[in-house]
Protein backbone atom coordinates (compact mmCIF):
# COMPACT_ATOMS: atom_id res chain seq x y z
CA MET A 1 -6.59 -9.16 -39.45
CA ASN A 2 -7.63 -5.70 -38.17
CA TRP A 3 -8.93 -5.02 -34.66
CA GLN A 4 -12.59 -4.99 -35.76
CA GLN A 5 -12.19 -8.56 -37.00
CA ARG A 6 -10.22 -9.61 -33.92
CA TRP A 7 -12.80 -8.22 -31.50
CA PRO A 8 -15.66 -10.74 -32.10
CA ALA A 9 -13.16 -13.59 -32.25
CA ALA A 10 -12.01 -12.91 -28.68
CA MET A 11 -14.66 -10.84 -26.87
CA MET A 12 -18.16 -11.68 -25.68
CA SER A 13 -20.85 -9.77 -27.53
CA ASN A 14 -22.45 -7.98 -24.56
CA TYR A 15 -21.08 -4.59 -25.71
CA GLY A 16 -21.63 -5.13 -29.39
CA ALA A 17 -18.88 -4.12 -31.79
CA PRO A 18 -17.14 -0.83 -30.91
CA GLN A 19 -16.69 1.65 -33.73
CA VAL A 20 -13.46 3.22 -32.50
CA MET A 21 -10.24 1.92 -30.97
CA LEU A 22 -8.49 4.62 -28.98
CA THR A 23 -4.73 4.50 -28.55
CA ARG A 24 -3.74 7.61 -26.57
CA GLY A 25 -5.08 10.73 -24.90
CA LYS A 26 -3.99 14.04 -23.44
CA GLY A 27 -6.26 16.29 -21.45
CA SER A 28 -9.66 16.26 -23.16
CA ARG A 29 -8.28 15.04 -26.49
CA VAL A 30 -7.95 11.43 -27.64
CA TRP A 31 -6.62 9.77 -30.78
CA ASP A 32 -7.73 6.54 -32.43
CA ILE A 33 -5.70 3.80 -34.09
CA ASP A 34 -6.01 5.59 -37.45
CA GLY A 35 -4.69 8.87 -36.06
CA ASN A 36 -8.02 10.68 -35.91
CA GLU A 37 -8.31 13.26 -33.12
CA TYR A 38 -11.40 13.79 -30.97
CA VAL A 39 -12.62 16.10 -28.23
CA ASP A 40 -13.60 13.67 -25.49
CA LEU A 41 -16.95 14.80 -24.09
CA ILE A 42 -17.70 11.55 -22.27
CA ALA A 43 -14.42 10.96 -20.37
CA GLY A 44 -14.87 7.24 -19.88
CA ILE A 45 -18.50 7.86 -18.80
CA ALA A 46 -17.77 10.52 -16.18
CA VAL A 47 -14.63 8.70 -15.00
CA ASN A 48 -11.58 10.65 -16.21
CA ALA A 49 -12.04 13.59 -13.87
CA LEU A 50 -8.63 15.06 -14.70
CA GLY A 51 -8.70 14.03 -18.34
CA HIS A 52 -6.08 11.82 -19.93
CA GLY A 53 -2.44 11.65 -18.91
CA ASP A 54 -2.58 13.97 -15.92
CA PRO A 55 0.88 13.68 -14.29
CA ARG A 56 -0.58 13.94 -10.79
CA ILE A 57 -2.29 10.57 -11.23
CA THR A 58 0.53 8.89 -13.15
CA ASP A 59 3.14 10.09 -10.64
CA ALA A 60 1.04 8.94 -7.68
CA ILE A 61 0.40 5.43 -8.96
CA THR A 62 3.96 5.01 -10.23
CA ASP A 63 5.34 5.99 -6.85
CA GLN A 64 2.91 3.66 -5.10
CA LEU A 65 3.75 0.74 -7.38
CA ASN A 66 7.40 1.29 -6.59
CA THR A 67 6.65 1.43 -2.87
CA LEU A 68 3.86 -1.03 -2.05
CA GLY A 69 1.33 -2.63 -4.36
CA HIS A 70 -1.47 -4.92 -3.32
CA VAL A 71 -1.87 -5.94 0.35
CA SER A 72 -5.50 -7.23 0.49
CA ASN A 73 -7.82 -6.45 3.40
CA LEU A 74 -5.74 -8.55 5.79
CA TYR A 75 -3.50 -5.55 6.43
CA ALA A 76 -3.84 -1.80 6.62
CA SER A 77 -2.07 0.60 4.27
CA GLU A 78 -1.61 4.34 4.60
CA PRO A 79 -3.19 5.38 1.25
CA GLY A 80 -6.47 3.57 1.93
CA LEU A 81 -6.71 4.99 5.43
CA LYS A 82 -5.89 8.51 4.23
CA LEU A 83 -8.53 8.27 1.52
CA ALA A 84 -11.16 7.12 4.01
CA GLU A 85 -10.26 10.01 6.30
CA LYS A 86 -10.52 12.43 3.39
CA LEU A 87 -13.99 11.16 2.43
CA VAL A 88 -15.11 11.54 6.04
CA GLU A 89 -13.89 15.13 5.86
CA LEU A 90 -15.70 15.80 2.57
CA THR A 91 -19.04 14.68 4.01
CA GLY A 92 -18.58 17.13 6.87
CA ASN A 93 -19.83 14.55 9.36
CA THR A 94 -17.52 12.88 11.87
CA SER A 95 -19.88 9.90 12.23
CA THR A 96 -19.06 8.89 8.64
CA ARG A 97 -17.35 5.56 7.97
CA VAL A 98 -16.14 4.13 4.64
CA PHE A 99 -15.96 0.75 2.90
CA PHE A 100 -13.94 0.40 -0.31
CA CYS A 101 -14.64 -1.85 -3.28
CA ASN A 102 -13.89 -1.71 -7.02
CA SER A 103 -16.87 -0.32 -8.91
CA GLY A 104 -20.22 1.41 -8.66
CA ALA A 105 -22.13 -1.83 -9.03
CA GLU A 106 -20.17 -3.34 -6.15
CA ALA A 107 -20.80 -0.25 -4.04
CA ASN A 108 -24.54 -0.46 -4.63
CA GLU A 109 -24.50 -4.20 -4.04
CA ALA A 110 -22.88 -3.58 -0.66
CA ALA A 111 -25.38 -0.85 0.14
CA PHE A 112 -28.21 -3.23 -0.76
CA LYS A 113 -26.78 -5.76 1.69
CA MET A 114 -26.64 -3.06 4.35
CA THR A 115 -30.38 -2.47 4.01
CA ARG A 116 -31.06 -6.07 5.09
CA LEU A 117 -29.35 -5.35 8.40
CA THR A 118 -32.19 -2.99 9.28
CA GLY A 119 -34.44 -6.04 9.75
CA ARG A 120 -36.60 -4.93 6.82
CA THR A 121 -36.63 -6.12 3.23
CA LYS A 122 -38.59 -3.63 1.12
CA VAL A 123 -36.68 -1.16 -1.06
CA VAL A 124 -38.04 1.73 -3.12
CA VAL A 125 -36.32 2.97 -6.29
CA ALA A 126 -37.16 5.41 -9.08
CA GLU A 127 -38.25 4.79 -12.66
CA GLY A 128 -35.33 5.07 -15.03
CA SER A 129 -32.81 4.43 -12.27
CA PHE A 130 -29.49 2.72 -12.91
CA HIS A 131 -27.56 1.25 -10.00
CA GLY A 132 -25.50 -1.48 -11.69
CA ARG A 133 -25.66 -4.86 -13.39
CA THR A 134 -24.81 -7.39 -10.69
CA MET A 135 -27.90 -9.34 -9.63
CA GLY A 136 -28.47 -7.24 -6.53
CA SER A 137 -27.75 -3.85 -8.06
CA LEU A 138 -29.71 -4.86 -11.15
CA ALA A 139 -32.73 -5.49 -8.94
CA LEU A 140 -32.53 -1.79 -8.06
CA THR A 141 -32.20 -0.75 -11.71
CA ALA A 142 -35.63 0.20 -13.04
CA GLN A 143 -34.82 -0.20 -16.72
CA ALA A 144 -36.66 -3.13 -18.27
CA GLY A 145 -34.23 -3.71 -21.11
CA LYS A 146 -31.40 -4.30 -18.68
CA ALA A 147 -33.31 -6.16 -15.96
CA ASP A 148 -35.93 -8.31 -17.72
CA PRO A 149 -33.59 -10.98 -19.18
CA PHE A 150 -32.41 -11.84 -15.66
CA ARG A 151 -35.64 -12.05 -13.69
CA PRO A 152 -36.46 -13.17 -11.07
CA LEU A 153 -34.16 -10.72 -9.33
CA PRO A 154 -33.55 -10.58 -5.58
CA GLY A 155 -35.38 -8.31 -3.22
CA GLU A 156 -38.76 -6.74 -2.75
CA VAL A 157 -38.40 -3.62 -4.88
CA THR A 158 -41.07 -0.99 -5.51
CA VAL A 159 -40.68 1.52 -8.35
CA VAL A 160 -42.02 5.08 -8.26
CA PRO A 161 -41.71 7.97 -10.74
CA PHE A 162 -38.47 9.90 -10.33
CA GLY A 163 -39.06 13.29 -8.76
CA ASP A 164 -42.60 12.52 -7.59
CA ALA A 165 -42.55 13.17 -3.84
CA GLN A 166 -46.19 12.22 -3.38
CA ALA A 167 -45.70 8.83 -5.04
CA LEU A 168 -42.61 8.25 -2.94
CA GLU A 169 -44.48 9.05 0.25
CA GLN A 170 -47.22 6.60 -0.68
CA ALA A 171 -44.70 3.85 -1.39
CA VAL A 172 -42.64 4.15 1.80
CA ASP A 173 -44.06 2.52 4.91
CA SER A 174 -42.90 0.89 8.14
CA SER A 175 -41.64 -2.18 6.22
CA THR A 176 -39.36 -0.12 3.96
CA ALA A 177 -35.67 -0.70 4.56
CA ALA A 178 -34.38 1.96 2.19
CA VAL A 179 -35.00 4.33 -0.66
CA PHE A 180 -32.29 4.30 -3.36
CA LEU A 181 -32.03 7.43 -5.49
CA GLU A 182 -29.61 9.11 -7.85
CA PRO A 183 -29.49 12.85 -7.14
CA ILE A 184 -29.32 13.21 -10.92
CA GLN A 185 -30.20 10.20 -13.04
CA GLY A 186 -27.26 9.47 -15.32
CA GLU A 187 -28.06 6.43 -17.45
CA GLY A 188 -31.71 7.44 -17.29
CA GLY A 189 -30.90 10.44 -19.47
CA VAL A 190 -29.31 13.01 -17.11
CA ILE A 191 -32.60 13.83 -15.42
CA VAL A 192 -32.59 16.43 -12.65
CA PRO A 193 -35.43 16.07 -10.12
CA PRO A 194 -37.64 19.05 -9.28
CA PRO A 195 -36.50 21.35 -6.45
CA GLY A 196 -37.27 19.95 -3.02
CA PHE A 197 -37.43 16.29 -4.07
CA LEU A 198 -34.36 15.14 -2.17
CA GLN A 199 -35.47 17.07 0.92
CA ALA A 200 -38.84 15.34 0.65
CA ALA A 201 -37.13 11.96 0.33
CA ARG A 202 -35.10 12.71 3.46
CA ARG A 203 -38.20 13.74 5.39
CA ILE A 204 -40.18 10.69 4.27
CA THR A 205 -37.46 8.15 5.05
CA SER A 206 -36.59 9.72 8.39
CA ALA A 207 -40.23 9.69 9.50
CA LEU A 208 -40.52 5.94 8.92
CA GLY A 209 -37.02 4.83 9.92
CA ALA A 210 -35.91 3.92 6.41
CA LEU A 211 -32.44 4.53 5.03
CA LEU A 212 -31.90 7.14 2.34
CA VAL A 213 -29.23 5.77 -0.01
CA LEU A 214 -27.92 8.23 -2.60
CA ASP A 215 -26.10 6.78 -5.59
CA GLU A 216 -23.40 9.35 -6.39
CA VAL A 217 -21.46 6.98 -8.64
CA GLN A 218 -21.86 9.31 -11.60
CA SER A 219 -22.62 12.63 -9.91
CA GLY A 220 -20.09 12.58 -7.07
CA ILE A 221 -16.54 13.91 -6.55
CA GLY A 222 -17.00 17.32 -8.08
CA ARG A 223 -18.88 16.52 -11.26
CA THR A 224 -21.79 18.84 -10.50
CA GLY A 225 -19.73 21.52 -8.77
CA LYS A 226 -20.04 20.08 -5.26
CA TRP A 227 -18.17 17.14 -3.78
CA PHE A 228 -21.52 15.32 -3.74
CA ALA A 229 -24.55 16.37 -5.77
CA TYR A 230 -26.84 16.04 -2.74
CA GLN A 231 -24.98 18.97 -1.16
CA TRP A 232 -26.80 21.29 -3.55
CA ASP A 233 -29.98 20.32 -1.71
CA ASP A 234 -28.64 20.56 1.84
CA VAL A 235 -29.64 17.05 2.90
CA THR A 236 -27.72 14.36 4.75
CA PRO A 237 -28.23 10.81 3.46
CA ASP A 238 -27.61 7.65 5.45
CA VAL A 239 -25.53 5.98 2.74
CA ILE A 240 -23.61 7.32 -0.26
CA THR A 241 -22.16 5.17 -3.03
CA LEU A 242 -19.22 6.33 -5.15
CA ALA A 243 -17.03 5.10 -8.01
CA LYS A 244 -16.32 6.42 -11.54
CA GLY A 245 -14.51 9.75 -11.13
CA LEU A 246 -13.17 9.03 -7.64
CA ALA A 247 -9.81 7.74 -8.89
CA GLY A 248 -9.77 9.39 -12.31
CA GLY A 249 -9.63 6.17 -14.34
CA ILE A 250 -8.28 3.64 -11.86
CA PRO A 251 -10.96 1.17 -10.66
CA ILE A 252 -12.40 1.99 -7.25
CA GLY A 253 -15.74 2.10 -5.47
CA ALA A 254 -16.80 3.28 -2.05
CA VAL A 255 -19.74 2.99 0.30
CA ILE A 256 -20.06 5.79 2.82
CA GLY A 257 -22.26 5.30 5.88
CA ILE A 258 -23.33 8.24 8.02
CA GLY A 259 -24.74 8.08 11.54
CA ASP A 260 -26.30 4.75 12.53
CA ALA A 261 -25.79 3.39 9.00
CA ALA A 262 -22.03 3.61 9.49
CA SER A 263 -22.12 0.73 11.99
CA LEU A 264 -24.46 -1.66 10.15
CA PHE A 265 -21.64 -3.84 8.81
CA GLN A 266 -19.92 -5.88 11.50
CA PRO A 267 -16.76 -8.02 11.17
CA GLY A 268 -17.13 -10.78 8.57
CA MET A 269 -20.30 -9.40 6.97
CA HIS A 270 -18.72 -8.03 3.80
CA GLY A 271 -15.35 -7.65 2.15
CA SER A 272 -13.33 -7.05 -1.00
CA THR A 273 -9.91 -8.43 -1.87
CA PHE A 274 -8.92 -5.42 -3.96
CA GLY A 275 -11.05 -2.77 -2.24
CA GLY A 276 -9.04 0.18 -0.93
CA ASN A 277 -5.80 -1.10 -2.43
CA PRO A 278 -2.88 1.35 -2.19
CA ILE A 279 -2.69 2.05 -5.93
CA SER A 280 -6.35 2.98 -6.37
CA ALA A 281 -6.33 4.93 -3.12
CA ARG A 282 -3.27 6.96 -4.19
CA ALA A 283 -4.97 7.75 -7.50
CA ALA A 284 -8.10 8.90 -5.66
CA LEU A 285 -6.09 11.09 -3.31
CA ALA A 286 -4.39 12.64 -6.35
CA VAL A 287 -7.77 13.38 -7.95
CA ILE A 288 -9.20 14.95 -4.79
CA GLY A 289 -6.02 16.96 -4.30
CA ALA A 290 -6.15 18.26 -7.87
CA ILE A 291 -9.81 19.25 -7.49
CA GLU A 292 -8.87 21.23 -4.40
CA ASP A 293 -5.68 22.75 -5.80
CA ASP A 294 -7.19 23.80 -9.15
CA ASP A 295 -10.61 24.86 -7.78
CA LEU A 296 -12.28 22.36 -10.08
CA LEU A 297 -15.57 22.52 -8.19
CA ASN A 298 -16.06 26.05 -9.47
CA ARG A 299 -14.62 25.08 -12.83
CA ALA A 300 -17.24 22.32 -13.18
CA VAL A 301 -19.95 24.95 -12.74
CA THR A 302 -18.54 27.52 -15.16
CA ALA A 303 -17.41 24.98 -17.77
CA GLY A 304 -20.77 23.21 -17.53
CA GLU A 305 -22.62 26.45 -18.16
CA LYS A 306 -20.31 27.29 -21.07
CA LEU A 307 -20.75 23.83 -22.59
CA ALA A 308 -24.54 24.03 -22.29
CA ALA A 309 -24.73 27.53 -23.74
CA SER A 310 -22.30 26.70 -26.57
CA VAL A 311 -24.21 23.60 -27.62
CA MET A 312 -27.54 25.43 -27.45
CA GLN A 313 -26.18 28.23 -29.62
CA ALA A 314 -24.63 25.84 -32.12
CA ALA A 315 -27.65 23.56 -32.33
CA GLY A 316 -30.49 26.04 -32.66
CA ASP A 317 -33.93 24.47 -32.68
CA ALA A 318 -32.49 20.96 -32.95
CA VAL A 319 -31.73 20.97 -29.21
CA THR A 320 -34.53 21.99 -26.86
CA GLU A 321 -32.40 22.08 -23.71
CA VAL A 322 -29.06 21.04 -22.29
CA ARG A 323 -30.11 19.70 -18.93
CA GLY A 324 -28.07 18.63 -15.95
CA LYS A 325 -25.72 20.34 -13.54
CA GLY A 326 -22.04 21.17 -13.68
CA LEU A 327 -20.31 18.85 -16.14
CA LEU A 328 -22.99 16.17 -16.11
CA ARG A 329 -25.16 17.20 -19.06
CA ALA A 330 -27.47 15.90 -21.75
CA ALA A 331 -28.63 17.68 -24.89
CA ALA A 332 -32.31 16.96 -25.55
CA LEU A 333 -32.74 16.53 -29.29
CA ASN A 334 -35.68 17.76 -31.35
CA GLY A 335 -36.42 15.73 -34.47
CA VAL A 336 -32.99 14.13 -34.49
CA ALA A 337 -32.15 10.55 -33.50
CA SER A 338 -29.36 10.37 -30.93
CA ALA A 339 -27.67 7.45 -32.72
CA ASP A 340 -27.42 9.51 -35.91
CA MET A 341 -26.16 12.48 -33.96
CA GLU A 342 -23.49 10.44 -32.18
CA ARG A 343 -22.19 9.11 -35.49
CA ALA A 344 -22.07 12.59 -37.00
CA LEU A 345 -20.32 14.04 -33.95
CA ARG A 346 -17.76 11.26 -34.08
CA ALA A 347 -17.15 11.92 -37.78
CA ASN A 348 -16.58 15.57 -36.87
CA GLY A 349 -14.14 14.81 -34.08
CA VAL A 350 -16.26 14.66 -30.91
CA LEU A 351 -16.99 11.68 -28.66
CA ALA A 352 -20.31 11.82 -26.81
CA ASN A 353 -22.90 9.29 -25.69
CA PRO A 354 -26.44 8.67 -27.02
CA VAL A 355 -27.79 7.98 -23.53
CA SER A 356 -31.39 7.73 -24.77
CA PRO A 357 -33.03 7.80 -28.22
CA THR A 358 -33.54 11.56 -27.85
CA ALA A 359 -30.57 12.71 -25.77
CA ILE A 360 -26.79 12.99 -26.04
CA ARG A 361 -24.89 12.75 -22.76
CA MET A 362 -21.79 14.85 -22.15
CA ALA A 363 -19.62 14.30 -19.05
CA PRO A 364 -16.16 15.60 -19.94
CA ALA A 365 -13.16 15.98 -17.68
CA LEU A 366 -13.46 18.62 -14.98
CA THR A 367 -10.32 20.10 -16.53
CA ILE A 368 -11.79 20.59 -20.01
CA ALA A 369 -10.45 23.77 -21.61
CA ASP A 370 -12.57 26.51 -23.15
CA ALA A 371 -10.91 25.79 -26.50
CA ASP A 372 -12.09 22.18 -26.34
CA ILE A 373 -15.63 23.35 -25.62
CA ALA A 374 -15.49 25.77 -28.55
CA ASP A 375 -14.26 23.04 -30.91
CA ALA A 376 -16.97 20.69 -29.66
CA ALA A 377 -19.65 23.32 -30.27
CA GLU A 378 -18.40 23.84 -33.82
CA ALA A 379 -18.62 20.06 -34.35
CA TRP A 380 -22.20 20.13 -33.01
CA SER A 381 -23.11 22.70 -35.65
CA LYS A 382 -21.49 20.74 -38.49
CA SER A 383 -22.94 17.47 -37.29
CA LEU A 384 -26.48 18.78 -37.13
CA GLN A 385 -26.21 20.06 -40.67
CA THR A 386 -25.06 16.60 -41.71
CA VAL A 387 -27.87 14.82 -39.90
CA MET A 388 -30.60 17.26 -40.96
CA ASN A 389 -29.48 16.89 -44.57
CA GLY A 390 -29.69 13.13 -44.21
CA THR A 391 -26.05 12.48 -45.02
CA SER A 392 -24.85 10.92 -41.73
CA THR A 393 -22.86 7.72 -42.02
């Protein structure tokens, strides 16, 4: 029995049947069970910040496993404390405090709980937002296909168009606990808001005493060329949520409170058995160290521009734009279905994500080489010819 037959016999069907089983990776290349090689343009959905098999991560977690593994939140450990201190440093604000968990959904769930401690209950989110799939984080996710099967969801949540400062101002009032926003919408299609939107959100929330919560799960830790995407807009949020690329493939999540928000949680109000465990924390410290040592913030900018330009050149009129920032990108397709394009790219040795019916998301490792980008662009050209000729499989 092959793996495609074994999968439905053992796994729930929430993901559907995968088309590829990967067995190994190195850098921005991966190989499947049949030996086929791919340029990995999705990196575990913006997770594998240093690509596959980076020795700085493997050495860190191996050393930590040989030294001290899990300790729970009953005791302190040096890696978790060092990571918290490093995140405080990266925000540039000494009032910052950190809570660790295991995923982006958990981070947003915790942030949602924090909003209740303001004494208010109303939350405002943006159309197309994605903040997770737990019941609380799903309530903040304004995507009907994901949320509707599970209604009624908790909370009093108002939805406004993403990037519309006027609509946001009309929705926020003295009963609003928080506004949750992604600086760049990831699952919504890699949508960048218009200039000034985050500054407007900061002004609006500050005027009415509401928290500004920025979901940096996908955009944070160097992906856009800054440690946090909001830093491009020179704003200071009250709460930041992180996960994905923070530990380069090892599960971790974080909630960062700044100013008064940093003291909302009091003893006994929230916790996580695995949150901040030494292994995940060591991996995260290795990722942050590598970003600093290899100047990967600047690399994310230059590689992102090269990827966008290369895909545009290869695709011609079939791609109207490659939007996004740094190495969080989406190619907007013209007259081509994203599902067909993903299949053709995969057949030509590239892994990417059809994030919407008309867009292909690309979020490769921050370490992606120019040669990988060139090979991916060549695959884009071949794949479009395949799809436009109606021969995709």
